[in-house]
Structure formats: structure tokens, C-alpha cells
Amino acid sequence: LSHADARARLSAQWPIHEKVARADYVI
């Protein structure tokens, strides 16, 4: 992907730090 397309895909999901904050376990 281009840099812009990759960023668009990432922005379609929650930021990873928000998911980590809600996890029971983190790998």
C-alpha cells in the first residue's frame, strides 16, 4: 500500500493503545 492508503486502513480501527488498555492479556 501507499503511505496514505496504509494510514487510511489504520484509521479505520481503534488505536492499538486503546485496545491494549482494554485487554486481559497483551502479547
mmCIF file of all heavy atoms, coordinates in Angstrom:
data_MODEL
# 
_entry.id   MODEL 
# 
loop_
_atom_site.group_PDB 
_atom_site.id 
_atom_site.type_symbol 
_atom_site.label_atom_id 
_atom_site.label_alt_id 
_atom_site.label_comp_id 
_atom_site.label_asym_id 
_atom_site.label_entity_id 
_atom_site.label_seq_id 
_atom_site.pdbx_PDB_ins_code 
_atom_site.Cartn_x 
_atom_site.Cartn_y 
_atom_site.Cartn_z 
_atom_site.occupancy 
_atom_site.B_iso_or_equiv 
_atom_site.pdbx_formal_charge 
_atom_site.auth_seq_id 
_atom_site.auth_comp_id 
_atom_site.auth_asym_id 
_atom_site.auth_atom_id 
_atom_site.pdbx_PDB_model_num 
ATOM 1   N N   . LEU A 1 1  ? 0.829   -1.201  0.000  1.00 0.00 ? 1  LEU A N   1 
ATOM 2   C CA  . LEU A 1 1  ? 0.000   0.000   0.000  1.00 0.00 ? 1  LEU A CA  1 
ATOM 3   C C   . LEU A 1 1  ? 0.869   1.258   0.000  1.00 0.00 ? 1  LEU A C   1 
ATOM 4   O O   . LEU A 1 1  ? 2.010   1.245   0.435  1.00 0.00 ? 1  LEU A O   1 
ATOM 5   C CB  . LEU A 1 1  ? -0.889  0.017   1.244  1.00 0.00 ? 1  LEU A CB  1 
ATOM 6   C CG  . LEU A 1 1  ? -1.890  -1.133  1.410  1.00 0.00 ? 1  LEU A CG  1 
ATOM 7   C CD1 . LEU A 1 1  ? -2.587  -1.019  2.754  1.00 0.00 ? 1  LEU A CD1 1 
ATOM 8   C CD2 . LEU A 1 1  ? -2.908  -1.136  0.281  1.00 0.00 ? 1  LEU A CD2 1 
ATOM 9   N N   . SER A 1 2  ? 0.280   2.328   -0.468 1.00 0.00 ? 2  SER A N   1 
ATOM 10  C CA  . SER A 1 2  ? 0.939   3.617   -0.321 1.00 0.00 ? 2  SER A CA  1 
ATOM 11  C C   . SER A 1 2  ? 0.866   4.028   1.146  1.00 0.00 ? 2  SER A C   1 
ATOM 12  O O   . SER A 1 2  ? 0.070   3.486   1.918  1.00 0.00 ? 2  SER A O   1 
ATOM 13  C CB  . SER A 1 2  ? 0.242   4.679   -1.177 1.00 0.00 ? 2  SER A CB  1 
ATOM 14  O OG  . SER A 1 2  ? -1.054  4.961   -0.655 1.00 0.00 ? 2  SER A OG  1 
ATOM 15  N N   . HIS A 1 3  ? 1.668   5.006   1.509  1.00 0.00 ? 3  HIS A N   1 
ATOM 16  C CA  . HIS A 1 3  ? 1.660   5.501   2.884  1.00 0.00 ? 3  HIS A CA  1 
ATOM 17  C C   . HIS A 1 3  ? 0.269   6.009   3.256  1.00 0.00 ? 3  HIS A C   1 
ATOM 18  O O   . HIS A 1 3  ? -0.247  5.724   4.350  1.00 0.00 ? 3  HIS A O   1 
ATOM 19  C CB  . HIS A 1 3  ? 2.699   6.611   3.034  1.00 0.00 ? 3  HIS A CB  1 
ATOM 20  C CG  . HIS A 1 3  ? 3.099   6.897   4.436  1.00 0.00 ? 3  HIS A CG  1 
ATOM 21  N ND1 . HIS A 1 3  ? 2.404   7.767   5.244  1.00 0.00 ? 3  HIS A ND1 1 
ATOM 22  C CD2 . HIS A 1 3  ? 4.121   6.411   5.203  1.00 0.00 ? 3  HIS A CD2 1 
ATOM 23  C CE1 . HIS A 1 3  ? 2.967   7.818   6.433  1.00 0.00 ? 3  HIS A CE1 1 
ATOM 24  N NE2 . HIS A 1 3  ? 4.019   6.998   6.441  1.00 0.00 ? 3  HIS A NE2 1 
ATOM 25  N N   . ALA A 1 4  ? -0.371  6.723   2.334  1.00 0.00 ? 4  ALA A N   1 
ATOM 26  C CA  . ALA A 1 4  ? -1.701  7.292   2.596  1.00 0.00 ? 4  ALA A CA  1 
ATOM 27  C C   . ALA A 1 4  ? -2.751  6.195   2.755  1.00 0.00 ? 4  ALA A C   1 
ATOM 28  O O   . ALA A 1 4  ? -3.601  6.257   3.654  1.00 0.00 ? 4  ALA A O   1 
ATOM 29  C CB  . ALA A 1 4  ? -2.093  8.245   1.470  1.00 0.00 ? 4  ALA A CB  1 
ATOM 30  N N   . ASP A 1 5  ? -2.708  5.184   1.870  1.00 0.00 ? 5  ASP A N   1 
ATOM 31  C CA  . ASP A 1 5  ? -3.686  4.094   1.957  1.00 0.00 ? 5  ASP A CA  1 
ATOM 32  C C   . ASP A 1 5  ? -3.494  3.287   3.240  1.00 0.00 ? 5  ASP A C   1 
ATOM 33  O O   . ASP A 1 5  ? -4.464  2.861   3.876  1.00 0.00 ? 5  ASP A O   1 
ATOM 34  C CB  . ASP A 1 5  ? -3.571  3.170   0.748  1.00 0.00 ? 5  ASP A CB  1 
ATOM 35  C CG  . ASP A 1 5  ? -4.155  3.787   -0.510 1.00 0.00 ? 5  ASP A CG  1 
ATOM 36  O OD1 . ASP A 1 5  ? -4.906  4.780   -0.391 1.00 0.00 ? 5  ASP A OD1 1 
ATOM 37  O OD2 . ASP A 1 5  ? -3.855  3.288   -1.615 1.00 0.00 ? 5  ASP A OD2 1 
ATOM 38  N N   . ALA A 1 6  ? -2.239  3.078   3.620  1.00 0.00 ? 6  ALA A N   1 
ATOM 39  C CA  . ALA A 1 6  ? -1.974  2.338   4.858  1.00 0.00 ? 6  ALA A CA  1 
ATOM 40  C C   . ALA A 1 6  ? -2.507  3.096   6.062  1.00 0.00 ? 6  ALA A C   1 
ATOM 41  O O   . ALA A 1 6  ? -3.127  2.509   6.966  1.00 0.00 ? 6  ALA A O   1 
ATOM 42  C CB  . ALA A 1 6  ? -0.474  2.082   4.999  1.00 0.00 ? 6  ALA A CB  1 
ATOM 43  N N   . ARG A 1 7  ? -2.290  4.397   6.081  1.00 0.00 ? 7  ARG A N   1 
ATOM 44  C CA  . ARG A 1 7  ? -2.809  5.209   7.187  1.00 0.00 ? 7  ARG A CA  1 
ATOM 45  C C   . ARG A 1 7  ? -4.340  5.193   7.223  1.00 0.00 ? 7  ARG A C   1 
ATOM 46  O O   . ARG A 1 7  ? -4.953  5.182   8.299  1.00 0.00 ? 7  ARG A O   1 
ATOM 47  C CB  . ARG A 1 7  ? -2.304  6.647   7.084  1.00 0.00 ? 7  ARG A CB  1 
ATOM 48  C CG  . ARG A 1 7  ? -0.844  6.801   7.495  1.00 0.00 ? 7  ARG A CG  1 
ATOM 49  C CD  . ARG A 1 7  ? -0.530  8.225   7.903  1.00 0.00 ? 7  ARG A CD  1 
ATOM 50  N NE  . ARG A 1 7  ? 0.796   8.336   8.479  1.00 0.00 ? 7  ARG A NE  1 
ATOM 51  C CZ  . ARG A 1 7  ? 1.088   8.054   9.730  1.00 0.00 ? 7  ARG A CZ  1 
ATOM 52  N NH1 . ARG A 1 7  ? 0.143   7.619   10.550 1.00 0.00 ? 7  ARG A NH1 1 
ATOM 53  N NH2 . ARG A 1 7  ? 2.310   8.190   10.184 1.00 0.00 ? 7  ARG A NH2 1 
ATOM 54  N N   . ALA A 1 8  ? -4.976  5.184   6.053  1.00 0.00 ? 8  ALA A N   1 
ATOM 55  C CA  . ALA A 1 8  ? -6.435  5.132   5.999  1.00 0.00 ? 8  ALA A CA  1 
ATOM 56  C C   . ALA A 1 8  ? -6.948  3.838   6.612  1.00 0.00 ? 8  ALA A C   1 
ATOM 57  O O   . ALA A 1 8  ? -7.947  3.829   7.345  1.00 0.00 ? 8  ALA A O   1 
ATOM 58  C CB  . ALA A 1 8  ? -6.914  5.270   4.561  1.00 0.00 ? 8  ALA A CB  1 
ATOM 59  N N   . ARG A 1 9  ? -6.261  2.746   6.347  1.00 0.00 ? 9  ARG A N   1 
ATOM 60  C CA  . ARG A 1 9  ? -6.681  1.461   6.921  1.00 0.00 ? 9  ARG A CA  1 
ATOM 61  C C   . ARG A 1 9  ? -6.478  1.442   8.434  1.00 0.00 ? 9  ARG A C   1 
ATOM 62  O O   . ARG A 1 9  ? -7.315  0.914   9.171  1.00 0.00 ? 9  ARG A O   1 
ATOM 63  C CB  . ARG A 1 9  ? -5.924  0.317   6.264  1.00 0.00 ? 9  ARG A CB  1 
ATOM 64  C CG  . ARG A 1 9  ? -6.218  0.219   4.785  1.00 0.00 ? 9  ARG A CG  1 
ATOM 65  C CD  . ARG A 1 9  ? -6.191  -1.166  4.257  1.00 0.00 ? 9  ARG A CD  1 
ATOM 66  N NE  . ARG A 1 9  ? -6.579  -1.185  2.858  1.00 0.00 ? 9  ARG A NE  1 
ATOM 67  C CZ  . ARG A 1 9  ? -6.650  -2.279  2.130  1.00 0.00 ? 9  ARG A CZ  1 
ATOM 68  N NH1 . ARG A 1 9  ? -6.351  -3.449  2.677  1.00 0.00 ? 9  ARG A NH1 1 
ATOM 69  N NH2 . ARG A 1 9  ? -7.024  -2.227  0.871  1.00 0.00 ? 9  ARG A NH2 1 
ATOM 70  N N   . LEU A 1 10 ? -5.383  2.008   8.877  1.00 0.00 ? 10 LEU A N   1 
ATOM 71  C CA  . LEU A 1 10 ? -5.143  2.064   10.324 1.00 0.00 ? 10 LEU A CA  1 
ATOM 72  C C   . LEU A 1 10 ? -6.184  2.935   11.018 1.00 0.00 ? 10 LEU A C   1 
ATOM 73  O O   . LEU A 1 10 ? -6.651  2.612   12.116 1.00 0.00 ? 10 LEU A O   1 
ATOM 74  C CB  . LEU A 1 10 ? -3.738  2.600   10.605 1.00 0.00 ? 10 LEU A CB  1 
ATOM 75  C CG  . LEU A 1 10 ? -2.570  1.665   10.249 1.00 0.00 ? 10 LEU A CG  1 
ATOM 76  C CD1 . LEU A 1 10 ? -1.244  2.365   10.500 1.00 0.00 ? 10 LEU A CD1 1 
ATOM 77  C CD2 . LEU A 1 10 ? -2.640  0.379   11.052 1.00 0.00 ? 10 LEU A CD2 1 
ATOM 78  N N   . SER A 1 11 ? -6.573  4.022   10.366 1.00 0.00 ? 11 SER A N   1 
ATOM 79  C CA  . SER A 1 11 ? -7.529  4.940   10.993 1.00 0.00 ? 11 SER A CA  1 
ATOM 80  C C   . SER A 1 11 ? -8.932  4.356   11.047 1.00 0.00 ? 11 SER A C   1 
ATOM 81  O O   . SER A 1 11 ? -9.794  4.862   11.773 1.00 0.00 ? 11 SER A O   1 
ATOM 82  C CB  . SER A 1 11 ? -7.554  6.284   10.261 1.00 0.00 ? 11 SER A CB  1 
ATOM 83  O OG  . SER A 1 11 ? -8.098  6.139   8.962  1.00 0.00 ? 11 SER A OG  1 
ATOM 84  N N   . ALA A 1 12 ? -9.171  3.279   10.286 1.00 0.00 ? 12 ALA A N   1 
ATOM 85  C CA  . ALA A 1 12 ? -10.482 2.625   10.306 1.00 0.00 ? 12 ALA A CA  1 
ATOM 86  C C   . ALA A 1 12 ? -10.655 1.748   11.555 1.00 0.00 ? 12 ALA A C   1 
ATOM 87  O O   . ALA A 1 12 ? -11.744 1.259   11.809 1.00 0.00 ? 12 ALA A O   1 
ATOM 88  C CB  . ALA A 1 12 ? -10.670 1.777   9.052  1.00 0.00 ? 12 ALA A CB  1 
ATOM 89  N N   . GLN A 1 13 ? -9.568  1.542   12.305 1.00 0.00 ? 13 GLN A N   1 
ATOM 90  C CA  . GLN A 1 13 ? -9.619  0.737   13.517 1.00 0.00 ? 13 GLN A CA  1 
ATOM 91  C C   . GLN A 1 13 ? -9.283  1.608   14.724 1.00 0.00 ? 13 GLN A C   1 
ATOM 92  O O   . GLN A 1 13 ? -8.719  2.686   14.596 1.00 0.00 ? 13 GLN A O   1 
ATOM 93  C CB  . GLN A 1 13 ? -8.610  -0.419  13.435 1.00 0.00 ? 13 GLN A CB  1 
ATOM 94  C CG  . GLN A 1 13 ? -8.856  -1.380  12.292 1.00 0.00 ? 13 GLN A CG  1 
ATOM 95  C CD  . GLN A 1 13 ? -7.881  -2.534  12.313 1.00 0.00 ? 13 GLN A CD  1 
ATOM 96  O OE1 . GLN A 1 13 ? -6.955  -2.592  13.112 1.00 0.00 ? 13 GLN A OE1 1 
ATOM 97  N NE2 . GLN A 1 13 ? -8.083  -3.475  11.412 1.00 0.00 ? 13 GLN A NE2 1 
ATOM 98  N N   . TRP A 1 14 ? -9.621  1.093   15.891 1.00 0.00 ? 14 TRP A N   1 
ATOM 99  C CA  . TRP A 1 14 ? -9.214  1.783   17.114 1.00 0.00 ? 14 TRP A CA  1 
ATOM 100 C C   . TRP A 1 14 ? -7.694  1.836   17.193 1.00 0.00 ? 14 TRP A C   1 
ATOM 101 O O   . TRP A 1 14 ? -7.012  0.884   16.778 1.00 0.00 ? 14 TRP A O   1 
ATOM 102 C CB  . TRP A 1 14 ? -9.715  1.017   18.324 1.00 0.00 ? 14 TRP A CB  1 
ATOM 103 C CG  . TRP A 1 14 ? -11.160 1.176   18.643 1.00 0.00 ? 14 TRP A CG  1 
ATOM 104 C CD1 . TRP A 1 14 ? -12.152 1.642   17.844 1.00 0.00 ? 14 TRP A CD1 1 
ATOM 105 C CD2 . TRP A 1 14 ? -11.778 0.835   19.898 1.00 0.00 ? 14 TRP A CD2 1 
ATOM 106 N NE1 . TRP A 1 14 ? -13.351 1.615   18.503 1.00 0.00 ? 14 TRP A NE1 1 
ATOM 107 C CE2 . TRP A 1 14 ? -13.151 1.128   19.766 1.00 0.00 ? 14 TRP A CE2 1 
ATOM 108 C CE3 . TRP A 1 14 ? -11.300 0.319   21.099 1.00 0.00 ? 14 TRP A CE3 1 
ATOM 109 C CZ2 . TRP A 1 14 ? -14.050 0.906   20.805 1.00 0.00 ? 14 TRP A CZ2 1 
ATOM 110 C CZ3 . TRP A 1 14 ? -12.197 0.102   22.125 1.00 0.00 ? 14 TRP A CZ3 1 
ATOM 111 C CH2 . TRP A 1 14 ? -13.549 0.401   21.982 1.00 0.00 ? 14 TRP A CH2 1 
ATOM 112 N N   . PRO A 1 15 ? -7.116  2.898   17.771 1.00 0.00 ? 15 PRO A N   1 
ATOM 113 C CA  . PRO A 1 15 ? -5.668  2.928   18.021 1.00 0.00 ? 15 PRO A CA  1 
ATOM 114 C C   . PRO A 1 15 ? -5.274  1.750   18.911 1.00 0.00 ? 15 PRO A C   1 
ATOM 115 O O   . PRO A 1 15 ? -6.030  1.359   19.806 1.00 0.00 ? 15 PRO A O   1 
ATOM 116 C CB  . PRO A 1 15 ? -5.461  4.264   18.741 1.00 0.00 ? 15 PRO A CB  1 
ATOM 117 C CG  . PRO A 1 15 ? -6.646  5.091   18.361 1.00 0.00 ? 15 PRO A CG  1 
ATOM 118 C CD  . PRO A 1 15 ? -7.785  4.130   18.194 1.00 0.00 ? 15 PRO A CD  1 
ATOM 119 N N   . ILE A 1 16 ? -4.110  1.205   18.668 1.00 0.00 ? 16 ILE A N   1 
ATOM 120 C CA  . ILE A 1 16 ? -3.710  -0.011  19.378 1.00 0.00 ? 16 ILE A CA  1 
ATOM 121 C C   . ILE A 1 16 ? -3.618  0.214   20.887 1.00 0.00 ? 16 ILE A C   1 
ATOM 122 O O   . ILE A 1 16 ? -3.915  -0.686  21.681 1.00 0.00 ? 16 ILE A O   1 
ATOM 123 C CB  . ILE A 1 16 ? -2.383  -0.568  18.797 1.00 0.00 ? 16 ILE A CB  1 
ATOM 124 C CG1 . ILE A 1 16 ? -2.164  -2.002  19.254 1.00 0.00 ? 16 ILE A CG1 1 
ATOM 125 C CG2 . ILE A 1 16 ? -1.217  0.314   19.136 1.00 0.00 ? 16 ILE A CG2 1 
ATOM 126 C CD1 . ILE A 1 16 ? -3.217  -2.974  18.760 1.00 0.00 ? 16 ILE A CD1 1 
ATOM 127 N N   . HIS A 1 17 ? -3.257  1.425   21.312 1.00 0.00 ? 17 HIS A N   1 
ATOM 128 C CA  . HIS A 1 17 ? -3.129  1.659   22.753 1.00 0.00 ? 17 HIS A CA  1 
ATOM 129 C C   . HIS A 1 17 ? -4.484  1.554   23.453 1.00 0.00 ? 17 HIS A C   1 
ATOM 130 O O   . HIS A 1 17 ? -4.551  1.174   24.631 1.00 0.00 ? 17 HIS A O   1 
ATOM 131 C CB  . HIS A 1 17 ? -2.464  3.019   23.033 1.00 0.00 ? 17 HIS A CB  1 
ATOM 132 C CG  . HIS A 1 17 ? -3.291  4.200   22.639 1.00 0.00 ? 17 HIS A CG  1 
ATOM 133 N ND1 . HIS A 1 17 ? -4.236  4.766   23.477 1.00 0.00 ? 17 HIS A ND1 1 
ATOM 134 C CD2 . HIS A 1 17 ? -3.316  4.923   21.501 1.00 0.00 ? 17 HIS A CD2 1 
ATOM 135 C CE1 . HIS A 1 17 ? -4.804  5.784   22.863 1.00 0.00 ? 17 HIS A CE1 1 
ATOM 136 N NE2 . HIS A 1 17 ? -4.270  5.911   21.666 1.00 0.00 ? 17 HIS A NE2 1 
ATOM 137 N N   . GLU A 1 18 ? -5.576  1.872   22.735 1.00 0.00 ? 18 GLU A N   1 
ATOM 138 C CA  . GLU A 1 18 ? -6.905  1.742   23.328 1.00 0.00 ? 18 GLU A CA  1 
ATOM 139 C C   . GLU A 1 18 ? -7.277  0.270   23.502 1.00 0.00 ? 18 GLU A C   1 
ATOM 140 O O   . GLU A 1 18 ? -7.930  -0.111  24.486 1.00 0.00 ? 18 GLU A O   1 
ATOM 141 C CB  . GLU A 1 18 ? -7.948  2.458   22.469 1.00 0.00 ? 18 GLU A CB  1 
ATOM 142 C CG  . GLU A 1 18 ? -7.810  3.972   22.492 1.00 0.00 ? 18 GLU A CG  1 
ATOM 143 C CD  . GLU A 1 18 ? -8.993  4.664   21.824 1.00 0.00 ? 18 GLU A CD  1 
ATOM 144 O OE1 . GLU A 1 18 ? -10.076 4.045   21.738 1.00 0.00 ? 18 GLU A OE1 1 
ATOM 145 O OE2 . GLU A 1 18 ? -8.816  5.820   21.390 1.00 0.00 ? 18 GLU A OE2 1 
ATOM 146 N N   . LYS A 1 19 ? -6.865  -0.551  22.571 1.00 0.00 ? 19 LYS A N   1 
ATOM 147 C CA  . LYS A 1 19 ? -7.146  -1.987  22.684 1.00 0.00 ? 19 LYS A CA  1 
ATOM 148 C C   . LYS A 1 19 ? -6.317  -2.606  23.816 1.00 0.00 ? 19 LYS A C   1 
ATOM 149 O O   . LYS A 1 19 ? -6.819  -3.442  24.579 1.00 0.00 ? 19 LYS A O   1 
ATOM 150 C CB  . LYS A 1 19 ? -6.858  -2.684  21.352 1.00 0.00 ? 19 LYS A CB  1 
ATOM 151 C CG  . LYS A 1 19 ? -7.748  -2.184  20.226 1.00 0.00 ? 19 LYS A CG  1 
ATOM 152 C CD  . LYS A 1 19 ? -7.567  -2.984  18.953 1.00 0.00 ? 19 LYS A CD  1 
ATOM 153 C CE  . LYS A 1 19 ? -8.515  -2.481  17.868 1.00 0.00 ? 19 LYS A CE  1 
ATOM 154 N NZ  . LYS A 1 19 ? -8.553  -3.310  16.672 1.00 0.00 ? 19 LYS A NZ  1 
ATOM 155 N N   . VAL A 1 20 ? -5.067  -2.183  23.920 1.00 0.00 ? 20 VAL A N   1 
ATOM 156 C CA  . VAL A 1 20 ? -4.208  -2.675  24.998 1.00 0.00 ? 20 VAL A CA  1 
ATOM 157 C C   . VAL A 1 20 ? -4.820  -2.337  26.356 1.00 0.00 ? 20 VAL A C   1 
ATOM 158 O O   . VAL A 1 20 ? -4.821  -3.159  27.286 1.00 0.00 ? 20 VAL A O   1 
ATOM 159 C CB  . VAL A 1 20 ? -2.786  -2.082  24.875 1.00 0.00 ? 20 VAL A CB  1 
ATOM 160 C CG1 . VAL A 1 20 ? -1.977  -2.313  26.142 1.00 0.00 ? 20 VAL A CG1 1 
ATOM 161 C CG2 . VAL A 1 20 ? -2.066  -2.686  23.663 1.00 0.00 ? 20 VAL A CG2 1 
ATOM 162 N N   . ALA A 1 21 ? -5.368  -1.142  26.474 1.00 0.00 ? 21 ALA A N   1 
ATOM 163 C CA  . ALA A 1 21 ? -5.950  -0.709  27.753 1.00 0.00 ? 21 ALA A CA  1 
ATOM 164 C C   . ALA A 1 21 ? -7.140  -1.561  28.161 1.00 0.00 ? 21 ALA A C   1 
ATOM 165 O O   . ALA A 1 21 ? -7.442  -1.688  29.350 1.00 0.00 ? 21 ALA A O   1 
ATOM 166 C CB  . ALA A 1 21 ? -6.375  0.761   27.660 1.00 0.00 ? 21 ALA A CB  1 
ATOM 167 N N   . ARG A 1 22 ? -7.812  -2.179  27.187 1.00 0.00 ? 22 ARG A N   1 
ATOM 168 C CA  . ARG A 1 22 ? -8.998  -2.985  27.477 1.00 0.00 ? 22 ARG A CA  1 
ATOM 169 C C   . ARG A 1 22 ? -8.716  -4.484  27.497 1.00 0.00 ? 22 ARG A C   1 
ATOM 170 O O   . ARG A 1 22 ? -9.624  -5.292  27.705 1.00 0.00 ? 22 ARG A O   1 
ATOM 171 C CB  . ARG A 1 22 ? -10.092 -2.684  26.450 1.00 0.00 ? 22 ARG A CB  1 
ATOM 172 C CG  . ARG A 1 22 ? -10.699 -1.297  26.599 1.00 0.00 ? 22 ARG A CG  1 
ATOM 173 C CD  . ARG A 1 22 ? -11.474 -0.899  25.359 1.00 0.00 ? 22 ARG A CD  1 
ATOM 174 N NE  . ARG A 1 22 ? -12.216 0.349   25.546 1.00 0.00 ? 22 ARG A NE  1 
ATOM 175 C CZ  . ARG A 1 22 ? -11.679 1.545   25.512 1.00 0.00 ? 22 ARG A CZ  1 
ATOM 176 N NH1 . ARG A 1 22 ? -10.382 1.689   25.307 1.00 0.00 ? 22 ARG A NH1 1 
ATOM 177 N NH2 . ARG A 1 22 ? -12.426 2.629   25.686 1.00 0.00 ? 22 ARG A NH2 1 
ATOM 178 N N   . ALA A 1 23 ? -7.482  -4.876  27.266 1.00 0.00 ? 23 ALA A N   1 
ATOM 179 C CA  . ALA A 1 23 ? -7.130  -6.296  27.161 1.00 0.00 ? 23 ALA A CA  1 
ATOM 180 C C   . ALA A 1 23 ? -7.021  -6.958  28.535 1.00 0.00 ? 23 ALA A C   1 
ATOM 181 O O   . ALA A 1 23 ? -6.683  -6.313  29.522 1.00 0.00 ? 23 ALA A O   1 
ATOM 182 C CB  . ALA A 1 23 ? -5.806  -6.444  26.422 1.00 0.00 ? 23 ALA A CB  1 
ATOM 183 N N   . ASP A 1 24 ? -7.305  -8.258  28.550 1.00 0.00 ? 24 ASP A N   1 
ATOM 184 C CA  . ASP A 1 24 ? -6.997  -9.069  29.729 1.00 0.00 ? 24 ASP A CA  1 
ATOM 185 C C   . ASP A 1 24 ? -5.543  -9.524  29.688 1.00 0.00 ? 24 ASP A C   1 
ATOM 186 O O   . ASP A 1 24 ? -4.897  -9.669  30.728 1.00 0.00 ? 24 ASP A O   1 
ATOM 187 C CB  . ASP A 1 24 ? -7.919  -10.294 29.779 1.00 0.00 ? 24 ASP A CB  1 
ATOM 188 C CG  . ASP A 1 24 ? -9.379  -9.910  29.922 1.00 0.00 ? 24 ASP A CG  1 
ATOM 189 O OD1 . ASP A 1 24 ? -9.700  -9.170  30.880 1.00 0.00 ? 24 ASP A OD1 1 
ATOM 190 O OD2 . ASP A 1 24 ? -10.193 -10.322 29.075 1.00 0.00 ? 24 ASP A OD2 1 
ATOM 191 N N   . TYR A 1 25 ? -5.042  -9.758  28.474 1.00 0.00 ? 25 TYR A N   1 
ATOM 192 C CA  . TYR A 1 25 ? -3.653  -10.184 28.258 1.00 0.00 ? 25 TYR A CA  1 
ATOM 193 C C   . TYR A 1 25 ? -3.125  -9.463  27.027 1.00 0.00 ? 25 TYR A C   1 
ATOM 194 O O   . TYR A 1 25 ? -3.875  -9.230  26.069 1.00 0.00 ? 25 TYR A O   1 
ATOM 195 C CB  . TYR A 1 25 ? -3.571  -11.705 28.019 1.00 0.00 ? 25 TYR A CB  1 
ATOM 196 C CG  . TYR A 1 25 ? -4.203  -12.529 29.107 1.00 0.00 ? 25 TYR A CG  1 
ATOM 197 C CD1 . TYR A 1 25 ? -5.551  -12.894 29.038 1.00 0.00 ? 25 TYR A CD1 1 
ATOM 198 C CD2 . TYR A 1 25 ? -3.471  -12.949 30.220 1.00 0.00 ? 25 TYR A CD2 1 
ATOM 199 C CE1 . TYR A 1 25 ? -6.144  -13.646 30.036 1.00 0.00 ? 25 TYR A CE1 1 
ATOM 200 C CE2 . TYR A 1 25 ? -4.059  -13.708 31.222 1.00 0.00 ? 25 TYR A CE2 1 
ATOM 201 C CZ  . TYR A 1 25 ? -5.395  -14.050 31.118 1.00 0.00 ? 25 TYR A CZ  1 
ATOM 202 O OH  . TYR A 1 25 ? -5.981  -14.791 32.108 1.00 0.00 ? 25 TYR A OH  1 
ATOM 203 N N   . VAL A 1 26 ? -1.840  -9.118  27.042 1.00 0.00 ? 26 VAL A N   1 
ATOM 204 C CA  . VAL A 1 26 ? -1.214  -8.425  25.913 1.00 0.00 ? 26 VAL A CA  1 
ATOM 205 C C   . VAL A 1 26 ? 0.006   -9.207  25.453 1.00 0.00 ? 26 VAL A C   1 
ATOM 206 O O   . VAL A 1 26 ? 0.838   -9.612  26.270 1.00 0.00 ? 26 VAL A O   1 
ATOM 207 C CB  . VAL A 1 26 ? -0.795  -6.987  26.284 1.00 0.00 ? 26 VAL A CB  1 
ATOM 208 C CG1 . VAL A 1 26 ? -0.092  -6.310  25.107 1.00 0.00 ? 26 VAL A CG1 1 
ATOM 209 C CG2 . VAL A 1 26 ? -2.007  -6.167  26.713 1.00 0.00 ? 26 VAL A CG2 1 
ATOM 210 N N   . ILE A 1 27 ? 0.093   -9.430  24.146 1.00 0.00 ? 27 ILE A N   1 
ATOM 211 C CA  . ILE A 1 27 ? 1.258   -10.077 23.539 1.00 0.00 ? 27 ILE A CA  1 
ATOM 212 C C   . ILE A 1 27 ? 1.973   -9.023  22.703 1.00 0.00 ? 27 ILE A C   1 
ATOM 213 O O   . ILE A 1 27 ? 1.435   -8.542  21.697 1.00 0.00 ? 27 ILE A O   1 
ATOM 214 C CB  . ILE A 1 27 ? 0.832   -11.265 22.650 1.00 0.00 ? 27 ILE A CB  1 
ATOM 215 C CG1 . ILE A 1 27 ? 0.200   -12.368 23.511 1.00 0.00 ? 27 ILE A CG1 1 
ATOM 216 C CG2 . ILE A 1 27 ? 2.021   -11.810 21.859 1.00 0.00 ? 27 ILE A CG2 1 
ATOM 217 C CD1 . ILE A 1 27 ? -0.417  -13.499 22.703 1.00 0.00 ? 27 ILE A CD1 1 
# 
